[in-house]
C-alpha atoms as a PDB file:
ATOM      1  CA  MET A   1       7.460 -15.396  -8.058  1.00  0.00           C
ATOM      2  CA  MET A   2       7.052 -11.338  -8.030  1.00  0.00           C
ATOM      3  CA  ILE A   3       9.704  -8.684  -7.361  1.00  0.00           C
ATOM      4  CA  LEU A   4      10.157  -5.433  -6.156  1.00  0.00           C
ATOM      5  CA  GLU A   5      13.157  -3.619  -6.125  1.00  0.00           C
ATOM      6  CA  PHE A   6      14.615  -1.286  -5.390  1.00  0.00           C
ATOM      7  CA  ASN A   7      18.088  -0.416  -5.682  1.00  0.00           C
ATOM      8  CA  GLU A   8      20.438   3.025  -4.462  1.00  0.00           C
ATOM      9  CA  VAL A   9      17.103   4.621  -4.991  1.00  0.00           C
ATOM     10  CA  LEU A  10      17.139   8.383  -4.274  1.00  0.00           C
ATOM     11  CA  ILE A  11      14.110  10.353  -3.990  1.00  0.00           C
ATOM     12  CA  GLU A  12      13.608  14.285  -4.057  1.00  0.00           C
ATOM     13  CA  GLY A  13      14.093  16.214  -0.216  1.00  0.00           C
ATOM     14  CA  GLU A  14      15.570  12.857   0.986  1.00  0.00           C
ATOM     15  CA  GLU A  15      19.204  12.300   1.861  1.00  0.00           C
ATOM     16  CA  GLN A  16      19.652   8.962   1.810  1.00  0.00           C
ATOM     17  CA  THR A  17      19.514   6.136  -0.872  1.00  0.00           C
ATOM     18  CA  LEU A  18      17.113   2.645   0.356  1.00  0.00           C
ATOM     19  CA  SER A  19      17.588  -0.069  -1.035  1.00  0.00           C
ATOM     20  CA  LEU A  20      14.998  -3.066  -0.408  1.00  0.00           C
ATOM     21  CA  MET A  21      13.762  -6.542  -2.840  1.00  0.00           C
ATOM     22  CA  ALA A  22      10.356  -7.512  -1.251  1.00  0.00           C
ATOM     23  CA  LYS A  23       8.707 -10.391  -2.952  1.00  0.00           C
ATOM     24  CA  ALA A  24       5.658 -11.972  -3.281  1.00  0.00           C
ATOM     25  CA  GLY A  25       4.331 -13.432  -0.214  1.00  0.00           C
ATOM     26  CA  GLU A  26       5.771 -11.649   2.714  1.00  0.00           C
ATOM     27  CA  VAL A  27       5.345  -8.491   4.141  1.00  0.00           C
ATOM     28  CA  THR A  28       8.024  -5.403   4.470  1.00  0.00           C
ATOM     29  CA  CYS A  29       7.750  -2.770   6.567  1.00  0.00           C
ATOM     30  CA  LEU A  30       9.039   0.900   6.008  1.00  0.00           C
ATOM     31  CA  THR A  31       9.939   2.639   9.679  1.00  0.00           C
ATOM     32  CA  GLY A  32      11.887   4.592  10.721  1.00  0.00           C
ATOM     33  CA  ALA A  33      11.719   8.567  10.100  1.00  0.00           C
ATOM     34  CA  ASN A  34       8.195   9.945  10.764  1.00  0.00           C
ATOM     35  CA  VAL A  35       4.727   9.499   9.317  1.00  0.00           C
ATOM     36  CA  GLY A  36       5.640  11.633   6.200  1.00  0.00           C
ATOM     37  CA  ARG A  37       8.885  10.501   5.127  1.00  0.00           C
ATOM     38  CA  ARG A  38       7.522   6.943   5.204  1.00  0.00           C
ATOM     39  CA  SER A  39       4.596   7.976   2.922  1.00  0.00           C
ATOM     40  CA  ARG A  40       6.521   9.618   0.164  1.00  0.00           C
ATOM     41  CA  TRP A  41       8.728   6.704   0.494  1.00  0.00           C
ATOM     42  CA  LEU A  42       5.013   4.400  -0.909  1.00  0.00           C
ATOM     43  CA  SER A  43       4.250   7.096  -2.684  1.00  0.00           C
ATOM     44  CA  THR A  44       7.402   6.245  -5.556  1.00  0.00           C
ATOM     45  CA  ILE A  45       6.021   2.908  -6.179  1.00  0.00           C
ATOM     46  CA  LEU A  46       3.001   4.628  -6.864  1.00  0.00           C
ATOM     47  CA  GLY A  47       4.690   6.914  -9.363  1.00  0.00           C
ATOM     48  CA  PHE A  48       3.893   9.989  -7.906  1.00  0.00           C
ATOM     49  CA  VAL A  49       7.002  11.007  -6.200  1.00  0.00           C
ATOM     50  CA  ASN A  50      10.549  11.953  -8.776  1.00  0.00           C
ATOM     51  CA  VAL A  51      13.849   9.013  -8.296  1.00  0.00           C
ATOM     52  CA  THR A  52      16.710  11.149  -8.216  1.00  0.00           C
ATOM     53  CA  HIS A  53      19.095   8.287  -8.245  1.00  0.00           C
ATOM     54  CA  GLY A  54      18.888   4.412  -8.306  1.00  0.00           C
ATOM     55  CA  TYR A  55      16.471   2.484  -9.585  1.00  0.00           C
ATOM     56  CA  ILE A  56      12.374   0.918  -8.773  1.00  0.00           C
ATOM     57  CA  SER A  57      11.796  -2.067 -10.396  1.00  0.00           C
ATOM     58  CA  ILE A  58       8.650  -4.717 -10.565  1.00  0.00           C
ATOM     59  CA  ASP A  59      10.256  -7.873 -11.767  1.00  0.00           C
ATOM     60  CA  CYS A  60      12.639  -6.647 -13.237  1.00  0.00           C
ATOM     61  CA  GLU A  61      11.079  -4.394 -15.484  1.00  0.00           C
ATOM     62  CA  PRO A  62      12.112  -0.202 -14.442  1.00  0.00           C
ATOM     63  CA  LEU A  63       9.150   1.256 -12.867  1.00  0.00           C
ATOM     64  CA  THR A  64       9.586   5.054 -14.528  1.00  0.00           C
ATOM     65  CA  GLU A  65       7.624   8.815 -15.170  1.00  0.00           C
ATOM     66  CA  CYS A  66       6.402   6.756 -18.237  1.00  0.00           C
ATOM     67  CA  SER A  67       5.518   3.590 -16.597  1.00  0.00           C
ATOM     68  CA  ALA A  68       4.105   4.575 -13.365  1.00  0.00           C
ATOM     69  CA  THR A  69       0.938   4.072 -14.542  1.00  0.00           C
ATOM     70  CA  PHE A  70       0.735   0.678 -16.205  1.00  0.00           C
ATOM     71  CA  PHE A  71       2.355  -0.619 -13.495  1.00  0.00           C
ATOM     72  CA  ARG A  72      -0.313   0.961 -11.271  1.00  0.00           C
ATOM     73  CA  GLN A  73      -3.132  -2.048 -12.138  1.00  0.00           C
ATOM     74  CA  PHE A  74      -1.376  -4.344 -10.677  1.00  0.00           C
ATOM     75  CA  ILE A  75      -0.747  -2.315  -7.086  1.00  0.00           C
ATOM     76  CA  ALA A  76      -3.779  -1.785  -4.361  1.00  0.00           C
ATOM     77  CA  TYR A  77      -2.856   1.281  -2.183  1.00  0.00           C
ATOM     78  CA  ALA A  78      -4.416   1.894   1.333  1.00  0.00           C
ATOM     79  CA  PRO A  79      -3.998   5.199   2.553  1.00  0.00           C
ATOM     80  CA  ALA A  80      -3.867   5.873   6.460  1.00  0.00           C
ATOM     81  CA  SER A  81      -6.494   8.586   4.972  1.00  0.00           C
ATOM     82  CA  LEU A  82      -8.418  10.321   2.398  1.00  0.00           C
ATOM     83  CA  GLU A  83      -7.854  13.922   2.451  1.00  0.00           C
ATOM     84  CA  GLN A  84      -9.560  16.308   0.614  1.00  0.00           C
ATOM     85  CA  ILE A  85      -7.004  18.590  -2.115  1.00  0.00           C
ATOM     86  CA  GLY A  86      -8.994  22.067  -2.567  1.00  0.00           C
ATOM     87  CA  GLU A  87     -12.749  24.307  -1.440  1.00  0.00           C
ATOM     88  CA  VAL A  88     -13.074  22.176   2.087  1.00  0.00           C
ATOM     89  CA  THR A  89     -16.604  20.789   1.613  1.00  0.00           C
ATOM     90  CA  PRO A  90     -19.197  18.336   3.334  1.00  0.00           C
ATOM     91  CA  TYR A  91     -17.388  15.372   2.408  1.00  0.00           C
ATOM     92  CA  GLU A  92     -18.658  11.941   1.319  1.00  0.00           C
ATOM     93  CA  PRO A  93     -16.758   8.716   1.324  1.00  0.00           C
ATOM     94  CA  PRO A  94     -16.801   6.686  -2.086  1.00  0.00           C
ATOM     95  CA  SER A  95     -19.039   4.286  -1.791  1.00  0.00           C
ATOM     96  CA  VAL A  96     -18.660   0.780  -2.568  1.00  0.00           C
ATOM     97  CA  GLN A  97     -20.108   0.814  -5.289  1.00  0.00           C
ATOM     98  CA  ASP A  98     -18.205   4.013  -6.722  1.00  0.00           C
ATOM     99  CA  VAL A  99     -14.940   2.597  -5.700  1.00  0.00           C
ATOM    100  CA  PHE A 100     -15.614  -0.547  -8.078  1.00  0.00           C
ATOM    101  CA  SER A 101     -17.348   0.857 -10.665  1.00  0.00           C
ATOM    102  CA  LEU A 102     -14.398   2.251 -11.476  1.00  0.00           C
ATOM    103  CA  LYS A 103     -12.649   0.915 -15.228  1.00  0.00           C
ATOM    104  CA  ALA A 104      -9.398  -0.887 -13.602  1.00  0.00           C
ATOM    105  CA  ASN A 105     -11.991  -2.631 -11.204  1.00  0.00           C
ATOM    106  CA  ARG A 106     -15.388  -2.831 -13.257  1.00  0.00           C
ATOM    107  CA  ASN A 107     -14.834  -6.649 -13.175  1.00  0.00           C
ATOM    108  CA  LEU A 108     -14.286  -7.187  -8.986  1.00  0.00           C
ATOM    109  CA  SER A 109     -17.698  -8.561  -7.858  1.00  0.00           C
ATOM    110  CA  ILE A 110     -18.014  -7.099  -4.749  1.00  0.00           C
ATOM    111  CA  SER A 111     -20.846  -6.224  -2.467  1.00  0.00           C
ATOM    112  CA  ASN A 112     -21.818  -4.067   0.895  1.00  0.00           C
ATOM    113  CA  GLY A 113     -21.742  -7.528   2.735  1.00  0.00           C
ATOM    114  CA  ILE A 114     -18.427  -9.062   0.925  1.00  0.00           C
ATOM    115  CA  LEU A 115     -16.688  -5.485   2.315  1.00  0.00           C
ATOM    116  CA  SER A 116     -18.683  -6.010   5.976  1.00  0.00           C
ATOM    117  CA  GLU A 117     -16.643  -9.490   5.856  1.00  0.00           C
ATOM    118  CA  GLU A 118     -13.327  -8.294   4.901  1.00  0.00           C
ATOM    119  CA  ILE A 119     -13.701  -5.156   7.185  1.00  0.00           C
ATOM    120  CA  ARG A 120     -14.585  -8.042   9.893  1.00  0.00           C
ATOM    121  CA  LYS A 121     -11.635 -10.509   9.083  1.00  0.00           C
ATOM    122  CA  VAL A 122      -8.827  -7.264   9.860  1.00  0.00           C
ATOM    123  CA  ASN A 123      -9.822  -7.919  13.394  1.00  0.00           C
ATOM    124  CA  VAL A 124      -9.591  -4.310  14.792  1.00  0.00           C
ATOM    125  CA  ASN A 125     -11.692  -1.429  15.615  1.00  0.00           C
ATOM    126  CA  ALA A 126     -13.570  -0.731  12.331  1.00  0.00           C
ATOM    127  CA  GLU A 127     -14.419   2.727  13.569  1.00  0.00           C
ATOM    128  CA  ASP A 128     -11.216   2.940  12.180  1.00  0.00           C
ATOM    129  CA  SER A 129     -10.972   4.184   8.534  1.00  0.00           C
ATOM    130  CA  ARG A 130      -7.988   2.927   7.874  1.00  0.00           C
ATOM    131  CA  VAL A 131     -10.049  -0.907   8.295  1.00  0.00           C
ATOM    132  CA  ARG A 132     -12.379  -0.050   4.879  1.00  0.00           C
ATOM    133  CA  LEU A 133      -9.246   1.483   3.740  1.00  0.00           C
ATOM    134  CA  LEU A 134      -7.238  -1.761   4.109  1.00  0.00           C
ATOM    135  CA  ALA A 135     -10.260  -4.377   2.969  1.00  0.00           C
ATOM    136  CA  VAL A 136     -11.478  -2.269   0.523  1.00  0.00           C
ATOM    137  CA  ALA A 137      -7.810  -2.467  -1.175  1.00  0.00           C
ATOM    138  CA  VAL A 138      -7.212  -6.560  -0.263  1.00  0.00           C
ATOM    139  CA  LEU A 139     -10.621  -6.965  -2.100  1.00  0.00           C
ATOM    140  CA  LEU A 140      -8.845  -4.994  -5.523  1.00  0.00           C
ATOM    141  CA  GLY A 141      -7.223  -8.190  -5.319  1.00  0.00           C
ATOM    142  CA  LYS A 142      -3.697  -6.785  -6.586  1.00  0.00           C
ATOM    143  CA  PRO A 143      -0.909  -8.736  -6.440  1.00  0.00           C
ATOM    144  CA  ILE A 144       0.907  -5.681  -4.804  1.00  0.00           C
ATOM    145  CA  LEU A 145      -0.961  -4.057  -1.016  1.00  0.00           C
ATOM    146  CA  VAL A 146       0.746  -1.246  -0.438  1.00  0.00           C
ATOM    147  CA  VAL A 147      -0.455  -0.134   2.683  1.00  0.00           C
ATOM    148  CA  ASP A 148       0.218   3.637   4.672  1.00  0.00           C
ATOM    149  CA  ASN A 149      -0.180   3.235   8.504  1.00  0.00           C
ATOM    150  CA  PRO A 150      -2.053   0.460   8.745  1.00  0.00           C
ATOM    151  CA  PRO A 151      -4.452   0.066  11.779  1.00  0.00           C
ATOM    152  CA  ALA A 152      -2.040  -1.386  15.074  1.00  0.00           C
ATOM    153  CA  GLY A 153      -3.000  -4.714  15.076  1.00  0.00           C
ATOM    154  CA  SER A 154      -3.887  -5.757  11.109  1.00  0.00           C
ATOM    155  CA  GLY A 155      -0.162  -7.358  11.044  1.00  0.00           C
ATOM    156  CA  GLU A 156      -1.699 -10.483  11.526  1.00  0.00           C
ATOM    157  CA  TYR A 157      -4.213  -9.593   8.518  1.00  0.00           C
ATOM    158  CA  LEU A 158      -1.280  -8.670   6.262  1.00  0.00           C
ATOM    159  CA  LYS A 159       1.001 -11.169   6.973  1.00  0.00           C
ATOM    160  CA  ARG A 160      -2.556 -13.885   5.488  1.00  0.00           C
ATOM    161  CA  GLN A 161      -2.387 -11.378   2.315  1.00  0.00           C
ATOM    162  CA  ALA A 162       1.281 -12.021   1.612  1.00  0.00           C
ATOM    163  CA  HIS A 163       0.160 -15.418   1.819  1.00  0.00           C
ATOM    164  CA  LYS A 164      -1.964 -15.410  -0.336  1.00  0.00           C
ATOM    165  CA  ASN A 165       0.633 -14.564  -2.986  1.00  0.00           C
ATOM    166  CA  ARG A 166       1.026 -10.721  -2.939  1.00  0.00           C
ATOM    167  CA  ILE A 167       4.108  -8.730  -2.233  1.00  0.00           C
ATOM    168  CA  VAL A 168       3.077  -6.922   0.843  1.00  0.00           C
ATOM    169  CA  ILE A 169       4.417  -3.394   1.076  1.00  0.00           C
ATOM    170  CA  VAL A 170       3.749  -1.359   4.305  1.00  0.00           C
ATOM    171  CA  ALA A 171       5.357   2.336   6.368  1.00  0.00           C
ATOM    172  CA  SER A 172       4.541   1.895  10.582  1.00  0.00           C
ATOM    173  CA  ASP A 173       6.310   1.948  13.747  1.00  0.00           C
ATOM    174  CA  GLU A 174       3.435   0.418  15.204  1.00  0.00           C
ATOM    175  CA  PRO A 175       5.038  -3.130  17.188  1.00  0.00           C
ATOM    176  CA  SER A 176       2.173  -5.360  15.984  1.00  0.00           C
ATOM    177  CA  ILE A 177       2.851  -4.543  12.955  1.00  0.00           C
ATOM    178  CA  LEU A 178       6.064  -4.806  13.136  1.00  0.00           C
ATOM    179  CA  GLU A 179       6.502  -8.797  14.698  1.00  0.00           C
ATOM    180  CA  PHE A 180       4.863 -10.014  11.679  1.00  0.00           C
ATOM    181  CA  SER A 181       7.449  -8.123   8.785  1.00  0.00           C
ATOM    182  CA  ASP A 182       8.852 -10.636   7.474  1.00  0.00           C
ATOM    183  CA  HIS A 183      11.748  -7.383   6.274  1.00  0.00           C
ATOM    184  CA  ILE A 184      12.286  -4.449   8.414  1.00  0.00           C
ATOM    185  CA  VAL A 185      13.326  -1.577   6.779  1.00  0.00           C
ATOM    186  CA  GLU A 186      14.826   1.543   8.695  1.00  0.00           C
ATOM    187  CA  ILE A 187      14.498   4.194   7.010  1.00  0.00           C
END
């Protein structure tokens, strides 16, 4: 059983350490604080935020600046939104084919039909872009699913993903997400 552990982790800009143990088969929810702070803690799992104290490990292997790239191959991330950095131009979201043509995803068989079916399984308003981002992350089939601000009402879907022997870690203060969380970590 895969385990993601934060042991007395302190990141830049935070005053309190965070400790948690997220296990395969369970949903762990970071709540409290504001959306930006919760998102920053999730970014730490991806190795994008510097840990100044303590450690993060995945199956007892330390997640460091050097090992982050290796560990990201086991993590599917569903951001709260896609934001453009730099010059503003008309945005065309990546197609399903673009996402699955990435080197890490080439061996996955996917189609627009499969994506549409997965979106339907989330069972919330498909007009919410977070539903599409969540469905794409799930279809990657990675053992760790990290979801930033999942759409209201998707808690049961996230719980089903955990039951597929995945670590599911989310950042939310939405009651319908908290209801389906096995562990709630106040930050």
